[in-house]
Amino acid sequence: MIALILFLASYVYMGFEMLASRILGPYFGSGITVWACIISVFLIGSSIGYLLGGRTADLQGNRRWIRIYLLWAAVSVSISWPLSRLTLPLLSEEVTMASILLQTSLLFLIPSILSSAAIPGLMKLGIGERTEGVKIGIYHMVVSVGSVAGTLITTFYMLPGMRLQHIVIGFALIYFLSWFMMEVKWYKLCLFAIAFIPLLDIGGARLGDNPIKDHVSTPYHDIFITESSEYNGQPGDYVFMQFDTHALQGAIDKNDRNNILFSYIRETLHIADTYAPQAHNIFMIGHGAGILTNALEQSGKTIEVAELDPQVLELSRKYFGYAGDRVAIGDGRVLLNEKQDSRYDMIVLDAFKAEGVPFHLLTRDFFQLVQRKLKPSGLVVINMIGAIEGDSLIEDVTATTGSVFGSVKTIARYDDKQMDQNILYLLSQQPLASVKTSEYMEVTTRAGNIITDQSIPNRKLQ
């Protein structure tokens, strides 16, 4: 029984740590800074918990203390979800190391302390008064196996198939089961049941002003499908795909499915017709809602698309009318590397996580790979989000692409140099003519630092 409780507690501990990144991700991203805060808070919590639990394990009421720790671990885990809904919008208004660390501590420090505090007492109960090396080894092994199981099952089975609040409920239930196995009385079930009231879904879910039509959590994204009767001041029957709470990936008006709503997609199609009218073979990284994929397929071009998340492809079929078969599931860089050199007339990079383009798709090493896969006269189009001036990531991408390609053009829709907007990069080894369309204009971006696989100077990518 002790070994089972140790396994369950360790399972939830690591599963909850993996879940923390998904809870924080919509507001702070999922980069290395967020993970550093999560790991630090859980390590601090376990250190405090082991110290506290070690002291109470030596008291006569060891079993009672274990029950207290497990009960309140269940309660603290159960309230972490509603607490996150209240505090995350407030503390994420300015994303700094301090705000991330504060929010992480607020949500996860107490649960990690309480769950860790039960471990020393459980081990002492199992070992008894005699110190047996074999038993100590077995219990530590059980803790390790539980941690591995919690990590893998949460990441690859629970996150893709369950809502976040339901995973939280499941974790709290496991702690409650462990508490119950420590011979608690039935009437205490009432206290536990009360703790789950805030987790119940009451009423229709909404994201901002838009009702949520569908919500899917995957190992890569928290994907929302939302609806609206208005977009940019125009009435319609709109459906949106977005990652986490803010990153729009695509949209359609069901009343006019041929109307391409996002200007950067219209501009990419214009660029393909203007700068690469003979382009036949196109490779694109990032499928999203499938709007650009659909348009390129319908233009008669041969297109191959890499999409990391199979659920994104599935949702593009279900809600956005994508019916093609040109999308391969996998990491775009890996799939491109497998292709024949000098194969493509055009390569398009339109891949985003919630916090931006994945860093391994913005390094000099990646662009050297892109160059090898292009025909000598080939064209590259990159969609970025940023400001024309004062944006360190845009500056670094300008420097990095310029270190590989002989001709680099940047175009944007608005002349407000401080506003975040879509910025398109056009890259080629051949000279590119000046760009001027009805929607976009050529802009000048400063060159910053070169990004490589070994050196990531920009904190936005960390």
Protein backbone atom coordinates (compact mmCIF):
# COMPACT_ATOMS: atom_id res chain seq x y z
CA MET A 1 0.00 0.00 0.00
CA ILE A 2 2.81 2.43 0.87
CA ALA A 3 4.52 1.74 -2.46
CA LEU A 4 1.25 2.44 -4.33
CA ILE A 5 0.72 5.76 -2.54
CA LEU A 6 4.33 6.75 -3.27
CA PHE A 7 3.78 5.92 -6.94
CA LEU A 8 0.54 7.92 -7.14
CA ALA A 9 2.00 10.95 -5.37
CA SER A 10 5.05 10.98 -7.63
CA TYR A 11 2.88 10.49 -10.71
CA VAL A 12 0.77 13.54 -9.90
CA TYR A 13 3.79 15.62 -8.89
CA MET A 14 5.48 15.29 -12.29
CA GLY A 15 2.24 15.36 -14.24
CA PHE A 16 1.29 18.60 -12.50
CA GLU A 17 4.70 20.05 -13.36
CA MET A 18 4.14 19.24 -17.05
CA LEU A 19 0.63 20.70 -16.84
CA ALA A 20 2.04 23.92 -15.37
CA SER A 21 3.60 24.85 -18.72
CA ARG A 22 0.24 24.51 -20.45
CA ILE A 23 -1.56 26.59 -17.82
CA LEU A 24 1.04 29.37 -18.01
CA GLY A 25 1.65 29.10 -21.77
CA PRO A 26 -1.30 31.16 -23.05
CA TYR A 27 -0.09 34.16 -21.06
CA PHE A 28 3.69 33.80 -20.77
CA GLY A 29 4.62 31.45 -23.61
CA SER A 30 6.45 28.16 -23.20
CA GLY A 31 10.05 29.21 -23.71
CA ILE A 32 13.06 28.41 -21.59
CA THR A 33 12.36 31.30 -19.19
CA VAL A 34 8.96 29.85 -18.29
CA TRP A 35 10.41 26.38 -17.85
CA ALA A 36 13.22 27.76 -15.67
CA CYS A 37 10.61 29.30 -13.36
CA ILE A 38 8.50 26.14 -13.28
CA ILE A 39 11.44 23.86 -12.50
CA SER A 40 12.78 26.27 -9.87
CA VAL A 41 9.44 26.59 -8.07
CA PHE A 42 8.88 22.83 -8.02
CA LEU A 43 12.43 22.21 -6.78
CA ILE A 44 12.03 24.84 -4.06
CA GLY A 45 8.68 23.32 -3.12
CA SER A 46 10.09 19.81 -2.93
CA SER A 47 13.05 21.00 -0.85
CA ILE A 48 10.77 22.70 1.67
CA GLY A 49 8.38 19.74 1.62
CA TYR A 50 11.08 17.14 2.23
CA LEU A 51 12.47 19.18 5.13
CA LEU A 52 9.02 19.68 6.64
CA GLY A 53 7.96 16.08 6.06
CA GLY A 54 11.19 14.77 7.52
CA ARG A 55 10.57 16.62 10.74
CA THR A 56 6.96 15.44 11.12
CA ALA A 57 7.94 11.88 10.19
CA ASP A 58 9.83 11.68 13.49
CA LEU A 59 6.76 12.69 15.50
CA GLN A 60 4.35 10.22 17.07
CA GLY A 61 1.53 11.42 14.80
CA ASN A 62 3.35 10.60 11.55
CA ARG A 63 0.36 8.88 9.96
CA ARG A 64 -1.92 11.81 10.83
CA TRP A 65 0.55 14.27 9.28
CA ILE A 66 0.69 12.21 6.08
CA ARG A 67 -3.11 12.36 5.83
CA ILE A 68 -3.03 16.12 6.37
CA TYR A 69 -0.44 16.61 3.61
CA LEU A 70 -2.31 14.43 1.11
CA LEU A 71 -5.68 16.02 1.84
CA TRP A 72 -4.44 19.57 1.46
CA ALA A 73 -2.37 18.61 -1.57
CA ALA A 74 -5.66 17.52 -3.17
CA VAL A 75 -7.37 20.77 -2.16
CA SER A 76 -4.50 23.00 -3.32
CA VAL A 77 -4.27 21.22 -6.68
CA SER A 78 -8.04 21.47 -7.17
CA ILE A 79 -8.15 25.24 -6.64
CA SER A 80 -5.11 25.94 -8.83
CA TRP A 81 -7.24 26.00 -11.99
CA PRO A 82 -9.87 28.58 -10.90
CA LEU A 83 -7.11 30.57 -9.21
CA SER A 84 -5.17 30.68 -12.48
CA ARG A 85 -8.24 32.05 -14.31
CA LEU A 86 -8.35 34.92 -11.82
CA THR A 87 -4.67 35.80 -11.50
CA LEU A 88 -3.11 35.09 -14.90
CA PRO A 89 -4.86 37.95 -16.77
CA LEU A 90 -3.69 40.38 -14.08
CA LEU A 91 -0.07 39.28 -13.66
CA SER A 92 0.59 38.79 -17.38
CA GLU A 93 -0.05 42.41 -18.38
CA GLU A 94 3.72 42.92 -18.27
CA VAL A 95 5.71 39.76 -18.98
CA THR A 96 8.91 39.81 -16.95
CA MET A 97 10.95 37.19 -15.12
CA ALA A 98 9.49 38.52 -11.86
CA SER A 99 5.87 38.25 -13.03
CA ILE A 100 6.40 34.71 -14.35
CA LEU A 101 8.10 33.62 -11.14
CA LEU A 102 5.40 35.23 -8.99
CA GLN A 103 2.57 33.59 -10.92
CA THR A 104 4.30 30.20 -10.93
CA SER A 105 4.86 30.40 -7.17
CA LEU A 106 1.28 31.48 -6.53
CA LEU A 107 -0.17 28.50 -8.37
CA PHE A 108 2.30 25.69 -7.80
CA LEU A 109 4.51 26.28 -4.75
CA ILE A 110 2.00 25.17 -2.08
CA PRO A 111 0.90 22.01 -3.96
CA SER A 112 4.53 20.99 -4.51
CA ILE A 113 5.38 21.57 -0.82
CA LEU A 114 2.41 19.53 0.41
CA SER A 115 2.88 16.64 -2.00
CA SER A 116 6.61 16.42 -1.21
CA ALA A 117 6.01 16.63 2.55
CA ALA A 118 4.14 13.31 2.48
CA ILE A 119 7.09 11.39 1.01
CA PRO A 120 9.45 11.14 4.06
CA GLY A 121 6.64 10.01 6.36
CA LEU A 122 5.44 7.41 3.86
CA MET A 123 8.94 6.01 3.50
CA LYS A 124 9.36 5.82 7.26
CA LEU A 125 6.05 3.98 7.61
CA GLY A 126 7.11 1.50 4.97
CA ILE A 127 10.62 0.95 6.30
CA GLY A 128 9.67 0.78 9.96
CA GLU A 129 12.14 1.17 12.77
CA ARG A 130 14.79 -0.99 11.09
CA THR A 131 16.62 0.68 8.25
CA GLU A 132 16.57 -1.74 5.32
CA GLY A 133 18.64 -0.72 2.33
CA VAL A 134 16.63 -2.86 -0.07
CA LYS A 135 13.34 -1.22 0.95
CA ILE A 136 14.83 2.25 0.69
CA GLY A 137 16.04 1.42 -2.82
CA ILE A 138 12.65 0.02 -3.82
CA TYR A 139 10.78 3.08 -2.57
CA HIS A 140 13.12 5.47 -4.38
CA MET A 141 12.68 3.38 -7.53
CA VAL A 142 8.88 3.59 -7.16
CA VAL A 143 9.10 7.37 -6.83
CA SER A 144 11.23 7.56 -9.99
CA VAL A 145 8.92 5.27 -11.98
CA GLY A 146 5.90 7.30 -10.87
CA SER A 147 7.61 10.51 -11.95
CA VAL A 148 8.41 9.08 -15.39
CA ALA A 149 4.86 7.79 -15.79
CA GLY A 150 3.41 11.15 -14.78
CA THR A 151 5.61 12.96 -17.30
CA LEU A 152 4.91 10.69 -20.27
CA ILE A 153 1.23 9.95 -19.70
CA THR A 154 0.37 13.60 -19.04
CA THR A 155 2.28 14.81 -22.11
CA PHE A 156 1.26 12.22 -24.68
CA TYR A 157 -2.13 10.94 -23.51
CA MET A 158 -3.84 13.33 -21.11
CA LEU A 159 -3.02 16.68 -22.72
CA PRO A 160 -4.09 15.61 -26.24
CA GLY A 161 -7.39 14.13 -25.08
CA MET A 162 -8.60 16.05 -22.02
CA ARG A 163 -9.46 19.59 -21.00
CA LEU A 164 -6.97 21.20 -18.65
CA GLN A 165 -9.45 21.59 -15.80
CA HIS A 166 -10.38 17.92 -16.07
CA ILE A 167 -6.73 16.91 -15.79
CA VAL A 168 -6.46 19.08 -12.68
CA ILE A 169 -9.52 17.34 -11.23
CA GLY A 170 -7.98 13.96 -12.03
CA PHE A 171 -4.74 14.85 -10.26
CA ALA A 172 -6.61 16.06 -7.18
CA LEU A 173 -8.67 12.86 -7.17
CA ILE A 174 -5.48 10.79 -7.15
CA TYR A 175 -4.26 12.71 -4.11
CA PHE A 176 -7.64 12.14 -2.49
CA LEU A 177 -7.40 8.41 -3.25
CA SER A 178 -4.00 8.36 -1.57
CA TRP A 179 -5.44 10.22 1.41
CA PHE A 180 -8.35 7.77 1.61
CA MET A 181 -5.99 4.80 1.57
CA MET A 182 -4.40 6.20 4.73
CA GLU A 183 -7.59 5.06 6.59
CA VAL A 184 -9.55 8.31 6.69
CA LYS A 185 -13.17 8.42 7.76
CA TRP A 186 -15.95 8.59 5.17
CA TYR A 187 -17.52 11.81 6.48
CA LYS A 188 -14.40 13.72 5.40
CA LEU A 189 -15.40 13.11 1.79
CA CYS A 190 -17.65 16.19 2.09
CA LEU A 191 -14.66 18.50 2.54
CA PHE A 192 -13.04 17.04 -0.53
CA ALA A 193 -16.20 17.38 -2.64
CA ILE A 194 -16.50 21.08 -1.77
CA ALA A 195 -13.01 21.68 -3.14
CA PHE A 196 -14.15 20.68 -6.64
CA ILE A 197 -17.13 23.03 -6.95
CA PRO A 198 -15.02 25.84 -8.51
CA LEU A 199 -13.83 23.45 -11.23
CA LEU A 200 -17.24 22.68 -12.68
CA ASP A 201 -17.97 24.10 -16.12
CA ILE A 202 -20.92 26.45 -15.61
CA GLY A 203 -22.46 28.02 -18.70
CA GLY A 204 -20.98 28.39 -22.16
CA ALA A 205 -17.27 28.98 -22.41
CA ARG A 206 -15.99 32.16 -24.04
CA LEU A 207 -12.62 33.46 -25.16
CA GLY A 208 -12.70 37.24 -24.87
CA ASP A 209 -15.97 38.33 -26.49
CA ASN A 210 -16.23 35.23 -28.70
CA PRO A 211 -17.98 31.98 -27.75
CA ILE A 212 -15.78 28.89 -27.93
CA LYS A 213 -16.98 26.37 -30.52
CA ASP A 214 -14.24 23.81 -29.85
CA HIS A 215 -11.18 23.47 -27.64
CA VAL A 216 -8.41 20.90 -28.07
CA SER A 217 -5.27 20.53 -25.96
CA THR A 218 -2.29 18.82 -27.59
CA PRO A 219 1.38 18.38 -26.64
CA TYR A 220 2.09 21.40 -28.86
CA HIS A 221 -0.81 23.82 -28.51
CA ASP A 222 -3.95 24.78 -26.67
CA ILE A 223 -6.22 25.24 -29.70
CA PHE A 224 -9.45 27.23 -29.63
CA ILE A 225 -12.08 27.45 -32.36
CA THR A 226 -14.19 30.55 -31.75
CA GLU A 227 -17.08 32.27 -33.50
CA SER A 228 -18.03 35.89 -34.09
CA SER A 229 -20.59 37.87 -36.05
CA GLU A 230 -18.08 40.68 -36.72
CA TYR A 231 -14.47 41.03 -37.84
CA ASN A 232 -12.69 44.34 -38.44
CA GLY A 233 -16.02 46.13 -38.39
CA GLN A 234 -17.59 43.88 -41.04
CA PRO A 235 -20.61 41.70 -40.21
CA GLY A 236 -20.48 38.03 -41.11
CA ASP A 237 -20.45 34.48 -39.81
CA TYR A 238 -16.81 34.15 -38.79
CA VAL A 239 -14.87 31.19 -37.42
CA PHE A 240 -11.36 31.62 -35.99
CA MET A 241 -8.55 29.27 -35.06
CA GLN A 242 -6.19 30.48 -32.38
CA PHE A 243 -3.43 29.04 -30.25
CA ASP A 244 -3.83 29.69 -26.54
CA THR A 245 -5.67 32.92 -25.77
CA HIS A 246 -4.26 35.38 -28.28
CA ALA A 247 -2.46 33.96 -31.33
CA LEU A 248 -4.86 33.95 -34.30
CA GLN A 249 -3.92 31.30 -36.87
CA GLY A 250 -6.70 31.61 -39.40
CA ALA A 251 -10.25 32.76 -40.07
CA ILE A 252 -13.07 32.31 -42.54
CA ASP A 253 -16.42 33.92 -43.19
CA LYS A 254 -18.84 31.05 -43.72
CA ASN A 255 -21.02 33.40 -45.77
CA ASP A 256 -18.15 34.00 -48.23
CA ARG A 257 -15.52 31.27 -48.02
CA ASN A 258 -13.55 32.69 -50.97
CA ASN A 259 -12.90 35.94 -49.11
CA ILE A 260 -9.37 35.74 -47.66
CA LEU A 261 -9.55 37.74 -44.44
CA PHE A 262 -5.88 38.02 -43.45
CA SER A 263 -3.90 40.53 -45.51
CA TYR A 264 -0.58 38.68 -45.21
CA ILE A 265 -2.14 35.64 -46.94
CA ARG A 266 -3.42 37.82 -49.78
CA GLU A 267 0.03 39.38 -50.04
CA THR A 268 1.80 36.00 -50.07
CA LEU A 269 -0.38 34.90 -52.97
CA HIS A 270 0.37 38.17 -54.77
CA ILE A 271 4.11 37.67 -54.22
CA ALA A 272 3.89 34.15 -55.63
CA ASP A 273 2.21 35.49 -58.78
CA THR A 274 4.53 38.51 -59.13
CA TYR A 275 7.98 37.27 -58.11
CA ALA A 276 7.62 33.58 -58.89
CA PRO A 277 4.99 33.31 -61.63
CA GLN A 278 6.65 30.16 -62.95
CA ALA A 279 6.88 28.59 -59.50
CA HIS A 280 5.47 25.11 -59.65
CA ASN A 281 6.96 23.25 -56.70
CA ILE A 282 6.34 24.91 -53.33
CA PHE A 283 7.22 23.73 -49.83
CA MET A 284 5.46 25.39 -46.90
CA ILE A 285 6.09 25.01 -43.18
CA GLY A 286 2.94 25.66 -41.15
CA HIS A 287 -0.59 24.72 -42.19
CA GLY A 288 -2.72 26.37 -39.51
CA ALA A 289 -6.33 26.72 -40.57
CA GLY A 290 -5.32 25.78 -44.12
CA ILE A 291 -6.37 29.04 -45.81
CA LEU A 292 -3.05 29.60 -47.60
CA THR A 293 -2.63 25.88 -48.31
CA ASN A 294 -6.07 25.80 -49.94
CA ALA A 295 -5.41 28.88 -52.05
CA LEU A 296 -2.07 27.60 -53.35
CA GLU A 297 -3.54 24.19 -54.14
CA GLN A 298 -6.43 25.77 -56.02
CA SER A 299 -3.99 27.88 -58.07
CA GLY A 300 -2.71 24.67 -59.65
CA LYS A 301 0.71 24.65 -58.00
CA THR A 302 2.31 21.52 -56.56
CA ILE A 303 2.58 22.18 -52.86
CA GLU A 304 3.94 20.15 -49.96
CA VAL A 305 3.07 21.33 -46.46
CA ALA A 306 4.61 20.38 -43.12
CA GLU A 307 2.40 20.67 -40.04
CA LEU A 308 3.70 19.67 -36.63
CA ASP A 309 0.36 19.07 -34.89
CA PRO A 310 -2.06 16.50 -36.35
CA GLN A 311 -4.95 18.09 -34.44
CA VAL A 312 -4.37 21.38 -36.28
CA LEU A 313 -4.83 19.54 -39.58
CA GLU A 314 -7.93 17.79 -38.29
CA LEU A 315 -9.51 21.06 -37.13
CA SER A 316 -8.70 22.75 -40.45
CA ARG A 317 -10.71 20.02 -42.17
CA LYS A 318 -13.57 20.16 -39.68
CA TYR A 319 -14.10 23.92 -39.46
CA PHE A 320 -12.27 25.63 -42.33
CA GLY A 321 -13.08 23.42 -45.29
CA TYR A 322 -9.61 22.09 -46.07
CA ALA A 323 -10.06 18.95 -48.19
CA GLY A 324 -6.60 18.47 -49.70
CA ASP A 325 -4.03 15.75 -49.13
CA ARG A 326 -0.77 17.68 -49.39
CA VAL A 327 -0.06 18.05 -45.66
CA ALA A 328 2.55 15.85 -43.97
CA ILE A 329 2.67 15.64 -40.17
CA GLY A 330 6.06 16.39 -38.65
CA ASP A 331 8.57 19.09 -37.82
CA GLY A 332 9.04 21.32 -40.86
CA ARG A 333 12.82 21.49 -40.58
CA VAL A 334 13.13 17.73 -40.29
CA LEU A 335 10.82 17.08 -43.24
CA LEU A 336 12.54 19.69 -45.41
CA ASN A 337 15.93 18.16 -44.63
CA GLU A 338 14.70 14.87 -46.10
CA LYS A 339 13.87 16.46 -49.46
CA GLN A 340 16.06 16.52 -52.54
CA ASP A 341 18.39 19.52 -52.95
CA SER A 342 17.51 22.25 -55.51
CA ARG A 343 13.96 20.96 -55.71
CA TYR A 344 11.70 23.89 -54.89
CA ASP A 345 10.81 27.09 -56.70
CA MET A 346 9.42 28.63 -53.53
CA ILE A 347 9.57 27.91 -49.80
CA VAL A 348 7.12 29.56 -47.39
CA LEU A 349 7.60 29.77 -43.62
CA ASP A 350 4.32 30.46 -41.82
CA ALA A 351 4.79 28.44 -38.63
CA PHE A 352 3.84 29.76 -35.22
CA LYS A 353 3.57 28.60 -31.66
CA ALA A 354 1.53 30.76 -29.29
CA GLU A 355 4.56 32.96 -28.56
CA GLY A 356 5.91 33.20 -32.11
CA VAL A 357 7.98 31.35 -34.70
CA PRO A 358 9.93 28.40 -33.20
CA PHE A 359 13.58 29.39 -32.79
CA HIS A 360 14.99 26.44 -34.76
CA LEU A 361 13.20 27.83 -37.84
CA LEU A 362 14.98 31.19 -37.54
CA THR A 363 18.64 30.19 -37.30
CA ARG A 364 21.36 30.61 -39.90
CA ASP A 365 21.71 26.82 -39.99
CA PHE A 366 18.03 26.51 -40.95
CA PHE A 367 18.26 29.15 -43.67
CA GLN A 368 21.33 27.41 -45.10
CA LEU A 369 19.18 24.28 -45.32
CA VAL A 370 16.43 26.28 -47.05
CA GLN A 371 18.98 27.64 -49.52
CA ARG A 372 20.12 24.12 -50.43
CA LYS A 373 16.56 22.97 -51.10
CA LEU A 374 15.78 25.94 -53.37
CA LYS A 375 16.44 26.14 -57.06
CA PRO A 376 19.06 28.84 -57.89
CA SER A 377 16.30 31.27 -58.86
CA GLY A 378 14.03 30.26 -55.98
CA LEU A 379 12.17 32.55 -53.59
CA VAL A 380 11.60 32.33 -49.83
CA VAL A 381 8.71 34.06 -48.04
CA ILE A 382 8.67 34.32 -44.23
CA ASN A 383 5.75 35.59 -42.17
CA MET A 384 6.82 37.27 -38.91
CA ILE A 385 5.01 39.32 -36.27
CA GLY A 386 6.85 42.35 -34.94
CA ALA A 387 7.60 46.07 -35.24
CA ILE A 388 9.57 47.74 -38.02
CA GLU A 389 11.77 49.58 -35.52
CA GLY A 390 12.96 48.70 -32.04
CA ASP A 391 12.10 45.00 -32.31
CA SER A 392 15.18 42.95 -31.47
CA LEU A 393 13.81 39.74 -32.97
CA ILE A 394 13.00 41.37 -36.32
CA GLU A 395 16.48 42.90 -36.31
CA ASP A 396 18.09 39.53 -35.60
CA VAL A 397 16.07 37.80 -38.33
CA THR A 398 17.15 40.54 -40.75
CA ALA A 399 20.80 39.91 -39.90
CA THR A 400 20.43 36.13 -39.99
CA THR A 401 18.68 35.95 -43.36
CA GLY A 402 21.12 38.49 -44.80
CA SER A 403 24.05 36.27 -43.81
CA VAL A 404 22.73 33.52 -46.11
CA PHE A 405 20.79 35.14 -48.97
CA GLY A 406 22.10 37.75 -51.38
CA SER A 407 18.83 39.65 -51.60
CA VAL A 408 16.54 40.36 -48.62
CA LYS A 409 13.40 42.51 -48.76
CA THR A 410 11.01 43.27 -45.90
CA ILE A 411 7.47 44.49 -46.47
CA ALA A 412 4.72 45.60 -44.09
CA ARG A 413 1.18 46.91 -44.34
CA TYR A 414 1.35 49.89 -41.99
CA ASP A 415 3.95 52.63 -41.75
CA ASP A 416 3.64 52.84 -37.95
CA LYS A 417 7.16 51.74 -37.05
CA GLN A 418 6.38 50.87 -33.42
CA MET A 419 3.27 48.77 -34.03
CA ASP A 420 3.34 44.98 -33.99
CA GLN A 421 2.11 43.71 -37.35
CA ASN A 422 2.77 41.10 -40.01
CA ILE A 423 6.18 41.64 -41.58
CA LEU A 424 6.99 39.55 -44.64
CA TYR A 425 10.56 38.69 -45.63
CA LEU A 426 11.39 37.96 -49.26
CA LEU A 427 14.69 36.11 -49.73
CA SER A 428 16.53 35.07 -52.86
CA GLN A 429 20.02 34.65 -54.25
CA GLN A 430 18.87 36.66 -57.27
CA PRO A 431 18.20 40.43 -57.18
CA LEU A 432 14.65 41.28 -56.13
CA ALA A 433 12.81 44.28 -57.53
CA SER A 434 11.29 46.86 -55.19
CA VAL A 435 7.98 45.83 -53.67
CA LYS A 436 4.87 47.98 -53.78
CA THR A 437 1.31 46.69 -53.76
CA SER A 438 -2.09 48.05 -52.88
CA GLU A 439 -1.73 46.72 -49.33
CA TYR A 440 1.97 46.31 -48.51
CA MET A 441 5.04 48.49 -48.91
CA GLU A 442 8.76 47.89 -48.64
CA VAL A 443 10.27 48.87 -45.28
CA THR A 444 13.78 48.99 -43.87
CA THR A 445 14.62 46.98 -40.77
CA ARG A 446 17.88 47.30 -38.87
CA ALA A 447 20.24 44.31 -38.75
CA GLY A 448 20.91 42.89 -35.28
CA ASN A 449 22.65 39.70 -34.20
CA ILE A 450 22.92 36.46 -36.15
CA ILE A 451 20.96 33.54 -34.68
CA THR A 452 22.52 30.09 -34.93
CA ASP A 453 21.66 26.66 -33.59
CA GLN A 454 24.45 27.09 -31.05
CA SER A 455 23.87 30.74 -30.17
CA ILE A 456 20.47 32.32 -29.48
CA PRO A 457 21.19 35.94 -28.53
CA ASN A 458 17.55 37.03 -28.46
CA ARG A 459 15.59 36.50 -25.22
CA LYS A 460 12.33 36.37 -27.18
CA LEU A 461 13.42 32.97 -28.48
CA GLN A 462 14.39 31.61 -25.07
